[in-house]
Amino acid sequence: MKIHSFTFNPFQENTYVISSGEQCFIIDPGCSNRHEEAELQAYINDQGWKPLAVINTHCHIDHIMGNTFCCEQWDIPLWIHSLDLPNLNMGPTVADMYGLPYHQSPQPSRFLDDLGEIVLGYERLDLLFTPGHAPGHICLVSDPDDWVVAGDTLFQLSIGRTDLPGGNHDQLLQSIQTQLFTLPEQYIVYCGHGPATEIGFEKRHNPFFPHNS
């Protein structure tokens, strides 16, 4: 399974394309203008991949700005956790607050509430429920490839903010401790913003978890 990242929109959000064989998922499409849309489209088309779905780790505005473009461009569905549907539906209001262009996201056709795993090609991605930054936040794990797409739960030497509607600081710390820090230490963490990091490094050095040092 391959993973490729783009950095889009004024929030410098990381969008990921995960591929296996000739298929791919688009994770958190943040493309906010025609140039960013064209960059994402050219990459996928050049690879000859067929997108299967858009998946939002959570539905804050910086992670959903390209939902409509991707779903329409490739005629694919949107998958989210149901607890983040209110955030998805708040998209137009939040975009207006920031003065950002935004096309209303389509509604999800599948809720990833049962967790377990999803299949891409002949491989699988495990889903983790990691609320705290957002009520319906999920992470995607590739065990054969030693990585996790962590959205806005965990960053290099930091964690996601919890002062947005539905955020909960204690819940986020618990999610990281019980869901992410239980992964093997060599796993790469692909974050929603900023550079990638590793589970072991964050367990030892992240200042929000001094007792792990």
Foldseek 3Di string as FASTA:
>chain_A
DDKDWDQEDPVRWIWIWDADDQEIETEQDQHADPVSLVVVVCVNVVVNHQYAEYEYLAQAQRRCQCQVVVCVVRVHFYEFAPQRVVNLQCNVVVCVVVVGDGDRHDDGPYHCNVFQWDDHDPAIWGKAQAAALANGGIKTDGVVVQEIAREQLDDDLDGHDQPDPRHHHVSSVVSCVPPVLVRDFARWYNYRHDDIDTSVNCQPRRPVNPVSD
